[in-house]
């Protein structure tokens, strides 16, 4: 018998018969971190280099509010200043030239014009292309609509700073120290608890933003430097916080923090 070969089947796939599943992208929402601004006043002095070394080792941003005449007080302070200028992740702002005429706070703020000249002298002598300042002995804020003065008697003088083009940054939390021994009053753990508490009770001038004030001269001793180092380490572990330069503070524009050096960030 003769068998016929079956004809090959021709299979045609129509475009309309193709079914595709639409896969929706998975959106992972990241929790917004609260920002902390580490700021140190009164340098350059004996503790400034220790502070800078710790910040550089831990690779965290830091802002120094310097006193103009401290830069020229000694060769060591001049060298420390040079280290600040060339350091990475560092911003330098003014804390006046004479630190309120060497702590003559009441007189300093009774003469607005002279006070403004004192701050301008720092800008000129240190060649700071930077309008962010902190007032010695006063917790004052002048950032856009954020106006606060801890002592009303200083209000007119601090208003004059803003009118002269300065942005005034105060602080939300201070790391206190003994003025006689220059030793910190709080351990690293205690300060971490204070940071948590300030945020939890909405005690900052701007929600989710905390400016921490410390003073360079306190960290000349090994024991106090160790507390600072431990504080930074513990702060980095807490996932809800982000460390930033003051140029990132809400309301501070880029023109407020222009410098004569490029700020390199991680």
Protein backbone atom coordinates (compact mmCIF):
# COMPACT_ATOMS: atom_id res chain seq x y z
CA UNK A 1 0.00 0.00 0.00
CA UNK A 2 0.99 3.51 -0.70
CA UNK A 3 0.75 5.96 2.25
CA UNK A 4 0.39 9.66 1.65
CA UNK A 5 2.52 11.95 3.71
CA UNK A 6 0.39 14.28 5.86
CA UNK A 7 0.50 17.87 4.85
CA UNK A 8 2.45 20.08 7.27
CA UNK A 9 0.33 22.26 9.47
CA UNK A 10 0.79 25.99 9.10
CA UNK A 11 0.36 27.76 12.39
CA UNK A 12 -0.24 31.47 12.21
CA UNK A 13 -0.15 33.56 15.42
CA UNK A 14 -2.36 36.57 15.12
CA UNK A 15 -1.22 39.76 16.83
CA UNK A 16 -4.59 40.16 18.44
CA UNK A 17 -4.28 36.75 20.07
CA UNK A 18 -1.15 37.67 22.08
CA UNK A 19 -1.98 38.34 25.71
CA UNK A 20 0.43 40.39 27.74
CA UNK A 21 0.32 41.02 31.49
CA UNK A 22 0.93 44.55 32.67
CA UNK A 23 3.37 44.51 35.60
CA UNK A 24 3.02 47.48 37.89
CA UNK A 25 6.32 48.79 39.27
CA UNK A 26 6.78 48.38 42.98
CA UNK A 27 7.18 51.75 44.65
CA UNK A 28 9.20 51.67 47.82
CA UNK A 29 8.53 54.67 49.98
CA UNK A 30 11.59 55.84 51.88
CA UNK A 31 11.03 57.55 55.20
CA UNK A 32 12.08 61.18 55.19
CA UNK A 33 15.05 61.64 57.49
CA UNK A 34 15.34 64.38 60.05
CA UNK A 35 18.33 66.67 59.50
CA UNK A 36 20.92 67.59 62.10
CA UNK A 37 23.37 70.44 61.59
CA UNK A 38 26.57 70.12 63.63
CA UNK A 39 27.93 73.60 64.37
CA UNK A 40 30.95 74.62 66.44
CA UNK A 41 31.61 78.14 67.69
CA UNK A 42 34.64 80.22 68.73
CA UNK A 43 37.42 78.68 66.64
CA UNK A 44 40.08 78.47 65.60
CA UNK A 45 41.47 77.59 69.00
CA UNK A 46 43.09 74.66 70.81
CA UNK A 47 40.17 72.27 70.36
CA UNK A 48 39.33 73.04 66.74
CA UNK A 49 41.81 70.65 65.15
CA UNK A 50 40.51 67.78 67.31
CA UNK A 51 36.96 68.50 66.20
CA UNK A 52 38.02 68.63 62.56
CA UNK A 53 39.97 65.37 62.85
CA UNK A 54 36.95 63.55 64.30
CA UNK A 55 34.62 64.86 61.63
CA UNK A 56 37.03 63.94 58.86
CA UNK A 57 37.59 60.46 60.28
CA UNK A 58 33.84 59.85 60.50
CA UNK A 59 33.25 61.58 57.16
CA UNK A 60 30.43 63.81 58.36
CA UNK A 61 29.71 67.42 57.36
CA UNK A 62 30.35 70.18 59.87
CA UNK A 63 30.01 73.95 60.07
CA UNK A 64 32.43 76.14 61.99
CA UNK A 65 31.42 79.62 63.16
CA UNK A 66 34.81 81.29 63.53
CA UNK A 67 35.94 84.41 65.36
CA UNK A 68 37.94 86.58 62.98
CA UNK A 69 40.69 87.73 65.33
CA UNK A 70 41.29 84.16 66.54
CA UNK A 71 42.72 83.33 63.13
CA UNK A 72 45.55 85.81 63.67
CA UNK A 73 46.10 85.24 67.40
CA UNK A 74 48.95 82.72 66.97
CA UNK A 75 50.79 80.65 64.38
CA UNK A 76 48.99 77.54 65.62
CA UNK A 77 45.60 79.15 65.11
CA UNK A 78 46.63 80.32 61.66
CA UNK A 79 47.61 76.75 60.79
CA UNK A 80 44.30 75.46 62.11
CA UNK A 81 42.50 78.01 59.96
CA UNK A 82 44.41 76.76 56.92
CA UNK A 83 43.25 73.22 57.76
CA UNK A 84 39.63 74.35 57.88
CA UNK A 85 39.82 76.16 54.56
CA UNK A 86 41.22 73.13 52.73
CA UNK A 87 39.07 70.48 54.47
CA UNK A 88 36.30 68.57 52.72
CA UNK A 89 32.67 68.72 53.88
CA UNK A 90 33.31 71.87 55.89
CA UNK A 91 31.52 75.20 55.80
CA UNK A 92 32.93 78.27 57.50
CA UNK A 93 30.68 81.04 58.80
CA UNK A 94 31.25 84.15 60.89
CA UNK A 95 30.84 84.45 64.66
CA UNK A 96 31.92 88.13 64.56
CA UNK A 97 35.47 89.47 64.56
CA UNK A 98 35.96 90.26 68.26
CA UNK A 99 33.36 87.92 69.83
CA UNK A 100 31.20 90.84 70.89
CA UNK A 101 34.09 93.06 71.89
CA UNK A 102 35.57 90.28 74.01
CA UNK A 103 32.29 89.23 75.64
CA UNK A 104 30.96 92.75 76.29
CA UNK A 105 27.60 91.52 75.09
CA UNK A 106 25.29 94.28 76.35
CA UNK A 107 27.42 97.09 74.93
CA UNK A 108 27.97 95.20 71.68
CA UNK A 109 24.25 94.94 70.95
CA UNK A 110 23.55 98.52 72.06
CA UNK A 111 25.50 99.80 69.04
CA UNK A 112 23.97 98.23 65.91
CA UNK A 113 26.17 100.06 63.40
CA UNK A 114 29.39 99.08 65.15
CA UNK A 115 28.16 95.54 65.55
CA UNK A 116 27.48 95.20 61.84
CA UNK A 117 30.95 96.59 61.08
CA UNK A 118 32.44 93.95 63.36
CA UNK A 119 30.81 91.18 61.34
CA UNK A 120 31.77 92.80 58.04
CA UNK A 121 35.38 92.92 59.23
CA UNK A 122 35.35 89.13 59.51
CA UNK A 123 33.98 88.82 55.98
CA UNK A 124 36.69 91.11 54.62
CA UNK A 125 39.69 89.87 56.59
CA UNK A 126 38.96 86.17 56.03
CA UNK A 127 37.58 86.71 52.51
CA UNK A 128 34.40 84.82 53.31
CA UNK A 129 31.94 84.90 50.46
CA UNK A 130 29.36 83.76 52.97
CA UNK A 131 26.55 85.70 54.61
CA UNK A 132 25.56 83.19 57.29
CA UNK A 133 26.49 84.35 60.80
CA UNK A 134 25.87 83.49 64.43
CA UNK A 135 25.60 86.18 67.08
CA UNK A 136 27.90 85.79 70.13
CA UNK A 137 26.05 85.28 73.39
CA UNK A 138 22.63 85.43 71.73
CA UNK A 139 20.38 82.76 70.29
CA UNK A 140 18.93 84.71 67.38
CA UNK A 141 17.43 83.69 64.03
CA UNK A 142 16.85 85.75 60.90
CA UNK A 143 16.09 83.40 57.99
CA UNK A 144 13.36 84.61 55.66
CA UNK A 145 10.22 84.69 57.81
CA UNK A 146 11.92 82.95 60.75
CA UNK A 147 12.57 85.72 63.28
CA UNK A 148 13.54 84.96 66.86
CA UNK A 149 15.56 86.83 69.46
CA UNK A 150 16.16 85.37 72.91
CA UNK A 151 16.74 88.82 74.49
CA UNK A 152 14.47 91.59 73.25
CA UNK A 153 17.07 94.24 74.06
CA UNK A 154 19.18 92.87 71.20
CA UNK A 155 16.38 92.80 68.63
CA UNK A 156 17.17 96.10 66.90
CA UNK A 157 20.84 95.23 66.56
CA UNK A 158 20.14 91.79 65.14
CA UNK A 159 17.53 93.22 62.77
CA UNK A 160 20.30 95.48 61.50
CA UNK A 161 22.37 92.40 60.65
CA UNK A 162 19.57 91.08 58.46
CA UNK A 163 19.09 94.51 56.88
CA UNK A 164 22.81 94.50 56.05
CA UNK A 165 22.36 91.24 54.11
CA UNK A 166 23.32 88.67 56.73
CA UNK A 167 21.45 85.46 57.48
CA UNK A 168 21.47 84.77 61.24
CA UNK A 169 21.43 81.16 62.43
CA UNK A 170 20.76 80.28 66.06
CA UNK A 171 20.50 76.81 67.61
CA UNK A 172 17.91 74.34 68.87
CA UNK A 173 20.09 72.36 71.26
CA UNK A 174 23.38 73.15 72.99
CA UNK A 175 26.01 70.75 74.28
CA UNK A 176 26.66 72.53 77.56
CA UNK A 177 30.03 72.70 79.27
CA UNK A 178 31.53 73.97 82.51
CA UNK A 179 33.04 77.42 81.76
CA UNK A 180 35.69 76.96 84.45
CA UNK A 181 36.98 73.50 83.52
CA UNK A 182 35.79 73.51 79.88
CA UNK A 183 34.50 69.97 80.42
CA UNK A 184 31.28 68.80 78.77
CA UNK A 185 28.33 68.43 81.12
CA UNK A 186 26.59 65.69 79.15
CA UNK A 187 27.81 62.30 77.99
CA UNK A 188 27.36 61.19 74.41
CA UNK A 189 24.41 58.98 75.42
CA UNK A 190 22.74 61.82 77.30
CA UNK A 191 23.10 64.13 74.32
CA UNK A 192 21.64 61.50 71.97
CA UNK A 193 18.63 61.27 74.30
CA UNK A 194 18.31 65.05 74.20
CA UNK A 195 18.35 65.03 70.39
CA UNK A 196 15.61 62.39 70.34
CA UNK A 197 13.55 64.33 72.86
CA UNK A 198 13.80 67.64 71.00
CA UNK A 199 12.56 66.00 67.81
CA UNK A 200 9.85 63.97 69.55
CA UNK A 201 8.43 67.07 71.24
CA UNK A 202 8.75 69.31 68.14
CA UNK A 203 11.03 71.75 69.93
CA UNK A 204 13.01 72.82 66.86
CA UNK A 205 12.56 76.16 65.11
CA UNK A 206 11.89 74.31 61.85
CA UNK A 207 10.19 70.88 61.89
CA UNK A 208 12.54 67.93 61.28
CA UNK A 209 15.60 70.22 61.36
CA UNK A 210 17.83 70.53 64.43
CA UNK A 211 20.80 72.86 64.79
CA UNK A 212 23.24 71.63 67.44
CA UNK A 213 25.61 74.13 69.05
CA UNK A 214 28.95 73.09 70.52
CA UNK A 215 32.17 75.00 71.23
CA UNK A 216 35.59 74.13 69.80
CA UNK A 217 37.60 74.90 72.93
CA UNK A 218 35.82 72.18 74.92
CA UNK A 219 37.38 69.39 72.87
CA UNK A 220 41.01 70.09 73.63
CA UNK A 221 40.98 67.39 76.32
CA UNK A 222 41.12 63.73 75.33
CA UNK A 223 38.15 62.76 77.51
CA UNK A 224 35.86 65.38 75.97
CA UNK A 225 37.05 64.59 72.44
CA UNK A 226 36.19 60.95 73.13
CA UNK A 227 32.64 61.93 74.10
CA UNK A 228 32.33 63.92 70.88
CA UNK A 229 33.62 60.99 68.84
CA UNK A 230 31.21 58.60 70.55
CA UNK A 231 28.33 61.00 69.95
CA UNK A 232 29.07 61.13 66.22
CA UNK A 233 29.33 57.34 65.98
CA UNK A 234 26.03 56.84 67.81
CA UNK A 235 24.34 59.50 65.74
CA UNK A 236 25.40 57.83 62.49
CA UNK A 237 23.91 54.52 63.62
CA UNK A 238 20.45 56.04 64.03
CA UNK A 239 18.83 55.60 60.64
CA UNK A 240 16.25 58.36 61.11
CA UNK A 241 18.83 61.15 61.09
CA UNK A 242 20.89 62.80 58.35
CA UNK A 243 23.83 65.12 59.01
CA UNK A 244 24.00 68.24 56.84
CA UNK A 245 25.82 71.53 56.33
CA UNK A 246 23.97 74.70 57.28
CA UNK A 247 23.61 75.60 53.61
CA UNK A 248 20.93 72.88 53.48
CA UNK A 249 18.84 74.49 56.23
CA UNK A 250 15.38 75.51 54.97
CA UNK A 251 15.29 79.12 53.86
CA UNK A 252 19.04 79.52 53.43
CA UNK A 253 19.67 80.12 49.74
CA UNK A 254 22.74 79.20 47.75
CA UNK A 255 23.71 82.85 47.53
CA UNK A 256 23.90 82.95 51.33
CA UNK A 257 26.59 80.29 51.41
CA UNK A 258 28.81 81.09 48.46
CA UNK A 259 32.50 80.69 49.32
CA UNK A 260 35.81 81.33 47.71
CA UNK A 261 36.43 77.56 47.65
CA UNK A 262 34.40 74.76 46.18
CA UNK A 263 32.68 72.65 48.82
CA UNK A 264 33.20 68.98 47.96
CA UNK A 265 30.58 66.63 49.39
CA UNK A 266 30.46 62.87 49.56
